[in-house]
């Protein structure tokens, strides 16, 4: 008798795949091969990023004390940047993104429209 495995639950913390793929065009290194963490849902992301991501309207000019945020790996994080992705059906998705220069994890937040 053979045993079959049941369904596997996969938890993906990345934005829609077309956005991930397009991120190589905005300077994210190997976006399809790195870890993605959504700021408002991941408890393991740096608390300072979760705090910064709460503010709207989005402001990429952060106070000096907010720029020394460290990734979980210990790498110093650059500032979050805002991007708007436009799909073929003219829908738009506005995201804040940053990639850790050390471990290449991408942190992101949906800024709404």
PDB file of N, CA and C in Angstrom:
ATOM      1  N   UNK A   1       0.810  -1.167   0.000  1.00  0.00           N
ATOM      2  CA  UNK A   1       0.000   0.000   0.000  1.00  0.00           C
ATOM      3  C   UNK A   1       0.870   1.253   0.000  1.00  0.00           C
ATOM      4  N   UNK A   2       0.547   2.186  -0.864  1.00  0.00           N
ATOM      5  CA  UNK A   2       1.315   3.432  -0.882  1.00  0.00           C
ATOM      6  C   UNK A   2       0.579   4.492  -0.063  1.00  0.00           C
ATOM      7  N   UNK A   3       1.370   5.298   0.579  1.00  0.00           N
ATOM      8  CA  UNK A   3       0.791   6.383   1.353  1.00  0.00           C
ATOM      9  C   UNK A   3       0.953   7.682   0.572  1.00  0.00           C
ATOM     10  N   UNK A   4      -0.123   8.412   0.450  1.00  0.00           N
ATOM     11  CA  UNK A   4      -0.044   9.689  -0.237  1.00  0.00           C
ATOM     12  C   UNK A   4      -0.023  10.810   0.792  1.00  0.00           C
ATOM     13  N   UNK A   5       0.744  11.805   0.474  1.00  0.00           N
ATOM     14  CA  UNK A   5       0.792  12.964   1.356  1.00  0.00           C
ATOM     15  C   UNK A   5      -0.432  13.828   1.119  1.00  0.00           C
ATOM     16  N   UNK A   6      -0.878  14.462   2.162  1.00  0.00           N
ATOM     17  CA  UNK A   6      -2.005  15.384   2.041  1.00  0.00           C
ATOM     18  C   UNK A   6      -1.547  16.707   1.463  1.00  0.00           C
ATOM     19  N   UNK A   7      -2.467  17.632   1.324  1.00  0.00           N
ATOM     20  CA  UNK A   7      -2.102  18.943   0.796  1.00  0.00           C
ATOM     21  C   UNK A   7      -1.110  19.645   1.719  1.00  0.00           C
ATOM     22  N   UNK A   8      -0.252  20.425   1.134  1.00  0.00           N
ATOM     23  CA  UNK A   8       0.748  21.177   1.880  1.00  0.00           C
ATOM     24  C   UNK A   8       0.297  22.633   1.925  1.00  0.00           C
ATOM     25  N   UNK A   9       0.226  23.179   3.113  1.00  0.00           N
ATOM     26  CA  UNK A   9      -0.098  24.599   3.258  1.00  0.00           C
ATOM     27  C   UNK A   9       1.163  25.413   3.013  1.00  0.00           C
ATOM     28  N   UNK A  10       1.075  26.339   2.083  1.00  0.00           N
ATOM     29  CA  UNK A  10       2.210  27.205   1.776  1.00  0.00           C
ATOM     30  C   UNK A  10       1.839  28.619   2.165  1.00  0.00           C
ATOM     31  N   UNK A  11       2.650  29.208   2.995  1.00  0.00           N
ATOM     32  CA  UNK A  11       2.434  30.579   3.429  1.00  0.00           C
ATOM     33  C   UNK A  11       3.421  31.466   2.678  1.00  0.00           C
ATOM     34  N   UNK A  12       2.907  32.334   1.835  1.00  0.00           N
ATOM     35  CA  UNK A  12       3.755  33.215   1.042  1.00  0.00           C
ATOM     36  C   UNK A  12       3.558  34.639   1.540  1.00  0.00           C
ATOM     37  N   UNK A  13       4.638  35.272   1.901  1.00  0.00           N
ATOM     38  CA  UNK A  13       4.571  36.630   2.443  1.00  0.00           C
ATOM     39  C   UNK A  13       5.052  37.659   1.430  1.00  0.00           C
ATOM     40  N   UNK A  14       4.891  37.366   0.165  1.00  0.00           N
ATOM     41  CA  UNK A  14       5.333  38.270  -0.901  1.00  0.00           C
ATOM     42  C   UNK A  14       4.120  38.917  -1.562  1.00  0.00           C
ATOM     43  N   UNK A  15       4.340  40.058  -2.209  1.00  0.00           N
ATOM     44  CA  UNK A  15       3.244  40.653  -2.987  1.00  0.00           C
ATOM     45  C   UNK A  15       2.955  39.784  -4.208  1.00  0.00           C
ATOM     46  N   UNK A  16       1.971  40.132  -5.036  1.00  0.00           N
ATOM     47  CA  UNK A  16       1.664  39.317  -6.220  1.00  0.00           C
ATOM     48  C   UNK A  16       2.915  39.068  -7.080  1.00  0.00           C
ATOM     49  N   UNK A  17       2.978  37.877  -7.672  1.00  0.00           N
ATOM     50  CA  UNK A  17       4.167  37.486  -8.424  1.00  0.00           C
ATOM     51  C   UNK A  17       4.576  38.477  -9.511  1.00  0.00           C
ATOM     52  N   UNK A  18       3.662  39.064 -10.285  1.00  0.00           N
ATOM     53  CA  UNK A  18       4.108  40.045 -11.295  1.00  0.00           C
ATOM     54  C   UNK A  18       4.864  41.222 -10.670  1.00  0.00           C
ATOM     55  N   UNK A  19       4.503  41.601  -9.458  1.00  0.00           N
ATOM     56  CA  UNK A  19       5.218  42.673  -8.766  1.00  0.00           C
ATOM     57  C   UNK A  19       6.611  42.204  -8.376  1.00  0.00           C
ATOM     58  N   UNK A  20       6.701  41.010  -7.799  1.00  0.00           N
ATOM     59  CA  UNK A  20       8.010  40.459  -7.426  1.00  0.00           C
ATOM     60  C   UNK A  20       8.922  40.432  -8.644  1.00  0.00           C
ATOM     61  N   UNK A  21       8.409  39.919  -9.743  1.00  0.00           N
ATOM     62  CA  UNK A  21       9.209  39.817 -10.960  1.00  0.00           C
ATOM     63  C   UNK A  21       9.645  41.198 -11.458  1.00  0.00           C
ATOM     64  N   UNK A  22       8.756  42.186 -11.381  1.00  0.00           N
ATOM     65  CA  UNK A  22       9.071  43.540 -11.852  1.00  0.00           C
ATOM     66  C   UNK A  22      10.096  44.242 -10.966  1.00  0.00           C
ATOM     67  N   UNK A  23      10.264  43.792  -9.737  1.00  0.00           N
ATOM     68  CA  UNK A  23      11.180  44.458  -8.815  1.00  0.00           C
ATOM     69  C   UNK A  23      12.629  44.430  -9.270  1.00  0.00           C
ATOM     70  N   UNK A  24      12.982  43.514 -10.148  1.00  0.00           N
ATOM     71  CA  UNK A  24      14.349  43.529 -10.678  1.00  0.00           C
ATOM     72  C   UNK A  24      14.596  44.796 -11.493  1.00  0.00           C
ATOM     73  N   UNK A  25      13.523  45.412 -12.009  1.00  0.00           N
ATOM     74  CA  UNK A  25      13.642  46.633 -12.802  1.00  0.00           C
ATOM     75  C   UNK A  25      13.840  47.879 -11.936  1.00  0.00           C
ATOM     76  N   UNK A  26      13.590  47.779 -10.640  1.00  0.00           N
ATOM     77  CA  UNK A  26      13.752  48.938  -9.755  1.00  0.00           C
ATOM     78  C   UNK A  26      14.920  48.776  -8.794  1.00  0.00           C
ATOM     79  N   UNK A  27      15.762  47.795  -9.048  1.00  0.00           N
ATOM     80  CA  UNK A  27      16.979  47.649  -8.263  1.00  0.00           C
ATOM     81  C   UNK A  27      16.964  46.608  -7.164  1.00  0.00           C
ATOM     82  N   UNK A  28      15.873  45.880  -7.004  1.00  0.00           N
ATOM     83  CA  UNK A  28      15.861  44.786  -6.025  1.00  0.00           C
ATOM     84  C   UNK A  28      16.641  43.630  -6.633  1.00  0.00           C
ATOM     85  N   UNK A  29      17.641  43.143  -5.898  1.00  0.00           N
ATOM     86  CA  UNK A  29      18.499  42.077  -6.413  1.00  0.00           C
ATOM     87  C   UNK A  29      17.831  40.715  -6.240  1.00  0.00           C
ATOM     88  N   UNK A  30      17.796  39.957  -7.306  1.00  0.00           N
ATOM     89  CA  UNK A  30      17.217  38.605  -7.374  1.00  0.00           C
ATOM     90  C   UNK A  30      15.897  38.490  -6.606  1.00  0.00           C
ATOM     91  N   UNK A  31      14.900  39.303  -6.965  1.00  0.00           N
ATOM     92  CA  UNK A  31      13.658  39.337  -6.180  1.00  0.00           C
ATOM     93  C   UNK A  31      12.914  38.003  -6.122  1.00  0.00           C
ATOM     94  N   UNK A  32      13.081  37.159  -7.118  1.00  0.00           N
ATOM     95  CA  UNK A  32      12.373  35.880  -7.118  1.00  0.00           C
ATOM     96  C   UNK A  32      13.049  34.830  -6.243  1.00  0.00           C
ATOM     97  N   UNK A  33      14.250  35.133  -5.763  1.00  0.00           N
ATOM     98  CA  UNK A  33      15.024  34.143  -5.017  1.00  0.00           C
ATOM     99  C   UNK A  33      15.339  34.552  -3.592  1.00  0.00           C
ATOM    100  N   UNK A  34      14.690  35.600  -3.077  1.00  0.00           N
ATOM    101  CA  UNK A  34      14.992  36.067  -1.731  1.00  0.00           C
ATOM    102  C   UNK A  34      13.748  36.008  -0.853  1.00  0.00           C
ATOM    103  N   UNK A  35      13.962  36.172   0.428  1.00  0.00           N
ATOM    104  CA  UNK A  35      12.873  36.185   1.401  1.00  0.00           C
ATOM    105  C   UNK A  35      12.136  37.521   1.318  1.00  0.00           C
ATOM    106  N   UNK A  36      10.811  37.470   1.408  1.00  0.00           N
ATOM    107  CA  UNK A  36       9.969  38.664   1.441  1.00  0.00           C
ATOM    108  C   UNK A  36       9.216  38.682   2.761  1.00  0.00           C
ATOM    109  N   UNK A  37       9.142  39.842   3.402  1.00  0.00           N
ATOM    110  CA  UNK A  37       8.418  39.983   4.661  1.00  0.00           C
ATOM    111  C   UNK A  37       7.514  41.203   4.583  1.00  0.00           C
ATOM    112  N   UNK A  38       6.217  40.977   4.747  1.00  0.00           N
ATOM    113  CA  UNK A  38       5.288  42.100   4.781  1.00  0.00           C
ATOM    114  C   UNK A  38       5.354  42.726   6.163  1.00  0.00           C
ATOM    115  N   UNK A  39       5.554  44.032   6.212  1.00  0.00           N
ATOM    116  CA  UNK A  39       5.792  44.711   7.485  1.00  0.00           C
ATOM    117  C   UNK A  39       4.654  44.577   8.473  1.00  0.00           C
ATOM    118  N   UNK A  40       3.420  44.706   8.039  1.00  0.00           N
ATOM    119  CA  UNK A  40       2.321  44.708   9.006  1.00  0.00           C
ATOM    120  C   UNK A  40       1.877  43.315   9.417  1.00  0.00           C
ATOM    121  N   UNK A  41       2.453  42.259   8.847  1.00  0.00           N
ATOM    122  CA  UNK A  41       2.006  40.911   9.188  1.00  0.00           C
ATOM    123  C   UNK A  41       3.090  40.045   9.802  1.00  0.00           C
ATOM    124  N   UNK A  42       4.332  40.408   9.622  1.00  0.00           N
ATOM    125  CA  UNK A  42       5.416  39.573  10.128  1.00  0.00           C
ATOM    126  C   UNK A  42       5.872  40.066  11.495  1.00  0.00           C
ATOM    127  N   UNK A  43       5.810  39.200  12.487  1.00  0.00           N
ATOM    128  CA  UNK A  43       6.261  39.584  13.814  1.00  0.00           C
ATOM    129  C   UNK A  43       7.775  39.598  13.912  1.00  0.00           C
ATOM    130  N   UNK A  44       8.462  39.025  12.913  1.00  0.00           N
ATOM    131  CA  UNK A  44       9.912  38.941  12.996  1.00  0.00           C
ATOM    132  C   UNK A  44      10.611  40.140  12.365  1.00  0.00           C
ATOM    133  N   UNK A  45       9.867  41.055  11.734  1.00  0.00           N
ATOM    134  CA  UNK A  45      10.518  42.216  11.135  1.00  0.00           C
ATOM    135  C   UNK A  45      10.877  43.211  12.224  1.00  0.00           C
ATOM    136  N   UNK A  46      11.873  44.038  11.972  1.00  0.00           N
ATOM    137  CA  UNK A  46      12.267  45.011  12.992  1.00  0.00           C
ATOM    138  C   UNK A  46      11.087  45.890  13.410  1.00  0.00           C
ATOM    139  N   UNK A  47      10.930  46.089  14.711  1.00  0.00           N
ATOM    140  CA  UNK A  47       9.804  46.874  15.236  1.00  0.00           C
ATOM    141  C   UNK A  47       9.798  48.285  14.678  1.00  0.00           C
ATOM    142  N   UNK A  48      10.956  48.864  14.454  1.00  0.00           N
ATOM    143  CA  UNK A  48      11.015  50.232  13.924  1.00  0.00           C
ATOM    144  C   UNK A  48      10.371  50.317  12.547  1.00  0.00           C
ATOM    145  N   UNK A  49      10.532  49.288  11.703  1.00  0.00           N
ATOM    146  CA  UNK A  49       9.904  49.317  10.378  1.00  0.00           C
ATOM    147  C   UNK A  49       8.397  49.225  10.500  1.00  0.00           C
ATOM    148  N   UNK A  50       7.905  48.381  11.405  1.00  0.00           N
ATOM    149  CA  UNK A  50       6.451  48.291  11.590  1.00  0.00           C
ATOM    150  C   UNK A  50       5.901  49.633  12.040  1.00  0.00           C
ATOM    151  N   UNK A  51       6.640  50.332  12.896  1.00  0.00           N
ATOM    152  CA  UNK A  51       6.219  51.641  13.383  1.00  0.00           C
ATOM    153  C   UNK A  51       6.206  52.659  12.237  1.00  0.00           C
ATOM    154  N   UNK A  52       7.248  52.676  11.424  1.00  0.00           N
ATOM    155  CA  UNK A  52       7.352  53.625  10.315  1.00  0.00           C
ATOM    156  C   UNK A  52       6.255  53.371   9.293  1.00  0.00           C
ATOM    157  N   UNK A  53       5.935  52.108   9.027  1.00  0.00           N
ATOM    158  CA  UNK A  53       4.968  51.762   7.993  1.00  0.00           C
ATOM    159  C   UNK A  53       3.541  52.178   8.346  1.00  0.00           C
ATOM    160  N   UNK A  54       3.285  52.535   9.594  1.00  0.00           N
ATOM    161  CA  UNK A  54       1.944  52.934   9.998  1.00  0.00           C
ATOM    162  C   UNK A  54       1.547  54.297   9.447  1.00  0.00           C
ATOM    163  N   UNK A  55       2.507  55.148   9.169  1.00  0.00           N
ATOM    164  CA  UNK A  55       2.209  56.530   8.830  1.00  0.00           C
ATOM    165  C   UNK A  55       1.709  56.688   7.410  1.00  0.00           C
ATOM    166  N   UNK A  56       0.685  57.517   7.254  1.00  0.00           N
ATOM    167  CA  UNK A  56       0.153  57.854   5.941  1.00  0.00           C
ATOM    168  C   UNK A  56      -0.228  59.320   5.983  1.00  0.00           C
ATOM    169  N   UNK A  57      -0.062  60.094   4.958  1.00  0.00           N
ATOM    170  CA  UNK A  57       0.527  59.668   3.697  1.00  0.00           C
ATOM    171  C   UNK A  57       2.001  59.307   3.872  1.00  0.00           C
ATOM    172  N   UNK A  58       2.452  58.475   2.955  1.00  0.00           N
ATOM    173  CA  UNK A  58       3.809  57.951   3.045  1.00  0.00           C
ATOM    174  C   UNK A  58       4.833  59.059   2.900  1.00  0.00           C
ATOM    175  N   UNK A  59       5.874  59.023   3.733  1.00  0.00           N
ATOM    176  CA  UNK A  59       6.935  60.019   3.680  1.00  0.00           C
ATOM    177  C   UNK A  59       8.265  59.290   3.711  1.00  0.00           C
ATOM    178  N   UNK A  60       9.050  59.398   2.630  1.00  0.00           N
ATOM    179  CA  UNK A  60      10.334  58.703   2.580  1.00  0.00           C
ATOM    180  C   UNK A  60      11.436  59.494   3.277  1.00  0.00           C
ATOM    181  N   UNK A  61      11.140  60.719   3.704  1.00  0.00           N
ATOM    182  CA  UNK A  61      12.125  61.514   4.432  1.00  0.00           C
ATOM    183  C   UNK A  61      11.922  61.267   5.916  1.00  0.00           C
ATOM    184  N   UNK A  62      12.674  60.324   6.433  1.00  0.00           N
ATOM    185  CA  UNK A  62      12.479  59.872   7.808  1.00  0.00           C
ATOM    186  C   UNK A  62      13.346  60.677   8.759  1.00  0.00           C
ATOM    187  N   UNK A  63      12.904  60.858  10.005  1.00  0.00           N
ATOM    188  CA  UNK A  63      13.752  61.507  10.995  1.00  0.00           C
ATOM    189  C   UNK A  63      15.055  60.730  11.170  1.00  0.00           C
ATOM    190  N   UNK A  64      16.095  61.421  11.548  1.00  0.00           N
ATOM    191  CA  UNK A  64      17.426  60.805  11.649  1.00  0.00           C
ATOM    192  C   UNK A  64      17.433  59.593  12.564  1.00  0.00           C
ATOM    193  N   UNK A  65      16.651  59.620  13.655  1.00  0.00           N
ATOM    194  CA  UNK A  65      16.667  58.487  14.579  1.00  0.00           C
ATOM    195  C   UNK A  65      15.956  57.268  14.018  1.00  0.00           C
ATOM    196  N   UNK A  66      15.246  57.388  12.902  1.00  0.00           N
ATOM    197  CA  UNK A  66      14.552  56.249  12.302  1.00  0.00           C
ATOM    198  C   UNK A  66      15.376  55.608  11.181  1.00  0.00           C
ATOM    199  N   UNK A  67      16.514  56.169  10.826  1.00  0.00           N
ATOM    200  CA  UNK A  67      17.273  55.646   9.700  1.00  0.00           C
ATOM    201  C   UNK A  67      18.234  54.532  10.101  1.00  0.00           C
ATOM    202  N   UNK A  68      18.502  54.349  11.396  1.00  0.00           N
ATOM    203  CA  UNK A  68      19.417  53.309  11.838  1.00  0.00           C
ATOM    204  C   UNK A  68      18.661  52.043  12.210  1.00  0.00           C
ATOM    205  N   UNK A  69      17.851  51.562  11.291  1.00  0.00           N
ATOM    206  CA  UNK A  69      17.083  50.343  11.504  1.00  0.00           C
ATOM    207  C   UNK A  69      17.933  49.162  11.048  1.00  0.00           C
ATOM    208  N   UNK A  70      17.937  48.108  11.853  1.00  0.00           N
ATOM    209  CA  UNK A  70      18.699  46.914  11.514  1.00  0.00           C
ATOM    210  C   UNK A  70      17.753  45.803  11.098  1.00  0.00           C
ATOM    211  N   UNK A  71      18.167  45.043  10.096  1.00  0.00           N
ATOM    212  CA  UNK A  71      17.448  43.842   9.664  1.00  0.00           C
ATOM    213  C   UNK A  71      17.620  42.775  10.747  1.00  0.00           C
ATOM    214  N   UNK A  72      16.816  41.738  10.683  1.00  0.00           N
ATOM    215  CA  UNK A  72      16.958  40.614  11.610  1.00  0.00           C
ATOM    216  C   UNK A  72      18.340  39.990  11.543  1.00  0.00           C
ATOM    217  N   UNK A  73      19.013  40.102  10.384  1.00  0.00           N
ATOM    218  CA  UNK A  73      20.351  39.525  10.223  1.00  0.00           C
ATOM    219  C   UNK A  73      21.429  40.430  10.800  1.00  0.00           C
ATOM    220  N   UNK A  74      21.057  41.652  11.191  1.00  0.00           N
ATOM    221  CA  UNK A  74      22.026  42.602  11.739  1.00  0.00           C
ATOM    222  C   UNK A  74      22.501  43.637  10.730  1.00  0.00           C
ATOM    223  N   UNK A  75      22.101  43.485   9.471  1.00  0.00           N
ATOM    224  CA  UNK A  75      22.502  44.444   8.447  1.00  0.00           C
ATOM    225  C   UNK A  75      21.789  45.772   8.610  1.00  0.00           C
ATOM    226  N   UNK A  76      22.496  46.874   8.350  1.00  0.00           N
ATOM    227  CA  UNK A  76      21.914  48.214   8.428  1.00  0.00           C
ATOM    228  C   UNK A  76      21.029  48.440   7.212  1.00  0.00           C
ATOM    229  N   UNK A  77      19.796  48.860   7.453  1.00  0.00           N
ATOM    230  CA  UNK A  77      18.812  48.990   6.382  1.00  0.00           C
ATOM    231  C   UNK A  77      18.807  50.392   5.788  1.00  0.00           C
ATOM    232  N   UNK A  78      18.726  50.473   4.460  1.00  0.00           N
ATOM    233  CA  UNK A  78      18.502  51.783   3.839  1.00  0.00           C
ATOM    234  C   UNK A  78      17.055  52.200   4.078  1.00  0.00           C
ATOM    235  N   UNK A  79      16.690  53.392   3.669  1.00  0.00           N
ATOM    236  CA  UNK A  79      15.323  53.874   3.867  1.00  0.00           C
ATOM    237  C   UNK A  79      14.333  53.195   2.947  1.00  0.00           C
ATOM    238  N   UNK A  80      13.100  53.066   3.419  1.00  0.00           N
ATOM    239  CA  UNK A  80      12.018  52.544   2.585  1.00  0.00           C
ATOM    240  C   UNK A  80      11.767  53.504   1.432  1.00  0.00           C
ATOM    241  N   UNK A  81      11.429  52.953   0.271  1.00  0.00           N
ATOM    242  CA  UNK A  81      11.098  53.773  -0.899  1.00  0.00           C
ATOM    243  C   UNK A  81       9.718  53.388  -1.388  1.00  0.00           C
ATOM    244  N   UNK A  82       8.992  54.351  -1.902  1.00  0.00           N
ATOM    245  CA  UNK A  82       7.636  54.112  -2.396  1.00  0.00           C
ATOM    246  C   UNK A  82       7.660  53.876  -3.899  1.00  0.00           C
ATOM    247  N   UNK A  83       6.910  52.858  -4.347  1.00  0.00           N
ATOM    248  CA  UNK A  83       6.789  52.520  -5.768  1.00  0.00           C
ATOM    249  C   UNK A  83       5.330  52.261  -6.087  1.00  0.00           C
ATOM    250  N   UNK A  84       4.910  52.636  -7.289  1.00  0.00           N
ATOM    251  CA  UNK A  84       3.569  52.316  -7.761  1.00  0.00           C
ATOM    252  C   UNK A  84       3.707  51.402  -8.969  1.00  0.00           C
ATOM    253  N   UNK A  85       3.091  50.233  -8.901  1.00  0.00           N
ATOM    254  CA  UNK A  85       3.116  49.254  -9.981  1.00  0.00           C
ATOM    255  C   UNK A  85       1.778  49.320 -10.707  1.00  0.00           C
ATOM    256  N   UNK A  86       1.820  49.424 -12.033  1.00  0.00           N
ATOM    257  CA  UNK A  86       0.603  49.478 -12.837  1.00  0.00           C
ATOM    258  C   UNK A  86       0.488  48.198 -13.646  1.00  0.00           C
ATOM    259  N   UNK A  87      -0.647  47.531 -13.520  1.00  0.00           N
ATOM    260  CA  UNK A  87      -0.884  46.267 -14.207  1.00  0.00           C
ATOM    261  C   UNK A  87      -1.489  46.522 -15.588  1.00  0.00           C
ATOM    262  N   UNK A  88      -1.531  45.488 -16.427  1.00  0.00           N
ATOM    263  CA  UNK A  88      -2.086  45.603 -17.784  1.00  0.00           C
ATOM    264  C   UNK A  88      -3.530  46.078 -17.798  1.00  0.00           C
ATOM    265  N   UNK A  89      -4.288  45.786 -16.746  1.00  0.00           N
ATOM    266  CA  UNK A  89      -5.694  46.204 -16.683  1.00  0.00           C
ATOM    267  C   UNK A  89      -5.846  47.589 -16.038  1.00  0.00           C
ATOM    268  N   UNK A  90      -4.737  48.312 -15.908  1.00  0.00           N
ATOM    269  CA  UNK A  90      -4.658  49.662 -15.333  1.00  0.00           C
ATOM    270  C   UNK A  90      -4.871  49.723 -13.823  1.00  0.00           C
ATOM    271  N   UNK A  91      -4.996  48.580 -13.148  1.00  0.00           N
ATOM    272  CA  UNK A  91      -5.001  48.585 -11.686  1.00  0.00           C
ATOM    273  C   UNK A  91      -3.610  48.986 -11.210  1.00  0.00           C
ATOM    274  N   UNK A  92      -3.562  49.632 -10.056  1.00  0.00           N
ATOM    275  CA  UNK A  92      -2.287  50.052  -9.489  1.00  0.00           C
ATOM    276  C   UNK A  92      -2.120  49.489  -8.085  1.00  0.00           C
ATOM    277  N   UNK A  93      -0.874  49.239  -7.728  1.00  0.00           N
ATOM    278  CA  UNK A  93      -0.526  48.775  -6.397  1.00  0.00           C
ATOM    279  C   UNK A  93       0.632  49.636  -5.914  1.00  0.00           C
ATOM    280  N   UNK A  94       0.411  50.338  -4.816  1.00  0.00           N
ATOM    281  CA  UNK A  94       1.425  51.241  -4.269  1.00  0.00           C
ATOM    282  C   UNK A  94       2.084  50.549  -3.076  1.00  0.00           C
ATOM    283  N   UNK A  95       3.401  50.358  -3.148  1.00  0.00           N
ATOM    284  CA  UNK A  95       4.140  49.643  -2.108  1.00  0.00           C
ATOM    285  C   UNK A  95       5.322  50.453  -1.614  1.00  0.00           C
ATOM    286  N   UNK A  96       5.666  50.256  -0.359  1.00  0.00           N
ATOM    287  CA  UNK A  96       6.943  50.722   0.187  1.00  0.00           C
ATOM    288  C   UNK A  96       7.843  49.493   0.227  1.00  0.00           C
ATOM    289  N   UNK A  97       9.067  49.636  -0.256  1.00  0.00           N
ATOM    290  CA  UNK A  97       9.999  48.506  -0.349  1.00  0.00           C
ATOM    291  C   UNK A  97      11.377  48.897   0.155  1.00  0.00           C
ATOM    292  N   UNK A  98      12.056  47.938   0.721  1.00  0.00           N
ATOM    293  CA  UNK A  98      13.467  48.087   1.069  1.00  0.00           C
ATOM    294  C   UNK A  98      14.081  46.694   1.065  1.00  0.00           C
ATOM    295  N   UNK A  99      15.337  46.614   0.610  1.00  0.00           N
ATOM    296  CA  UNK A  99      16.047  45.333   0.604  1.00  0.00           C
ATOM    297  C   UNK A  99      17.276  45.436   1.475  1.00  0.00           C
ATOM    298  N   UNK A 100      17.450  44.461   2.343  1.00  0.00           N
ATOM    299  CA  UNK A 100      18.633  44.423   3.202  1.00  0.00           C
ATOM    300  C   UNK A 100      19.859  44.168   2.336  1.00  0.00           C
ATOM    301  N   UNK A 101      20.869  45.023   2.419  1.00  0.00           N
ATOM    302  CA  UNK A 101      22.068  44.812   1.608  1.00  0.00           C
ATOM    303  C   UNK A 101      22.896  43.610   2.057  1.00  0.00           C
ATOM    304  N   UNK A 102      22.659  43.123   3.264  1.00  0.00           N
ATOM    305  CA  UNK A 102      23.438  42.003   3.787  1.00  0.00           C
ATOM    306  C   UNK A 102      22.833  40.655   3.418  1.00  0.00           C
ATOM    307  N   UNK A 103      21.565  40.418   3.801  1.00  0.00           N
ATOM    308  CA  UNK A 103      20.949  39.101   3.567  1.00  0.00           C
ATOM    309  C   UNK A 103      20.003  39.101   2.367  1.00  0.00           C
ATOM    310  N   UNK A 104      19.706  40.277   1.810  1.00  0.00           N
ATOM    311  CA  UNK A 104      18.859  40.476   0.626  1.00  0.00           C
ATOM    312  C   UNK A 104      17.363  40.284   0.895  1.00  0.00           C
ATOM    313  N   UNK A 105      16.951  40.140   2.166  1.00  0.00           N
ATOM    314  CA  UNK A 105      15.526  40.080   2.478  1.00  0.00           C
ATOM    315  C   UNK A 105      14.859  41.369   2.017  1.00  0.00           C
ATOM    316  N   UNK A 106      13.666  41.248   1.440  1.00  0.00           N
ATOM    317  CA  UNK A 106      12.903  42.417   1.008  1.00  0.00           C
ATOM    318  C   UNK A 106      11.748  42.610   1.985  1.00  0.00           C
ATOM    319  N   UNK A 107      11.686  43.802   2.580  1.00  0.00           N
ATOM    320  CA  UNK A 107      10.579  44.185   3.442  1.00  0.00           C
ATOM    321  C   UNK A 107       9.657  45.075   2.627  1.00  0.00           C
ATOM    322  N   UNK A 108       8.338  44.850   2.777  1.00  0.00           N
ATOM    323  CA  UNK A 108       7.388  45.616   1.958  1.00  0.00           C
ATOM    324  C   UNK A 108       6.127  45.915   2.742  1.00  0.00           C
ATOM    325  N   UNK A 109       5.437  46.930   2.285  1.00  0.00           N
ATOM    326  CA  UNK A 109       4.171  47.318   2.884  1.00  0.00           C
ATOM    327  C   UNK A 109       3.250  47.839   1.792  1.00  0.00           C
ATOM    328  N   UNK A 110       2.008  47.382   1.788  1.00  0.00           N
ATOM    329  CA  UNK A 110       0.994  47.881   0.864  1.00  0.00           C
ATOM    330  C   UNK A 110       0.502  49.219   1.393  1.00  0.00           C
ATOM    331  N   UNK A 111       0.699  50.266   0.616  1.00  0.00           N
ATOM    332  CA  UNK A 111       0.328  51.611   1.040  1.00  0.00           C
ATOM    333  C   UNK A 111      -1.081  51.989   0.644  1.00  0.00           C
ATOM    334  N   UNK A 112      -1.777  51.083  -0.031  1.00  0.00           N
ATOM    335  CA  UNK A 112      -3.130  51.381  -0.477  1.00  0.00           C
ATOM    336  C   UNK A 112      -3.105  52.400  -1.605  1.00  0.00           C
ATOM    337  N   UNK A 113      -4.252  52.753  -2.100  1.00  0.00           N
ATOM    338  CA  UNK A 113      -4.300  53.721  -3.198  1.00  0.00           C
ATOM    339  C   UNK A 113      -5.091  54.931  -2.818  1.00  0.00           C
TER     340      UNK A 113
END
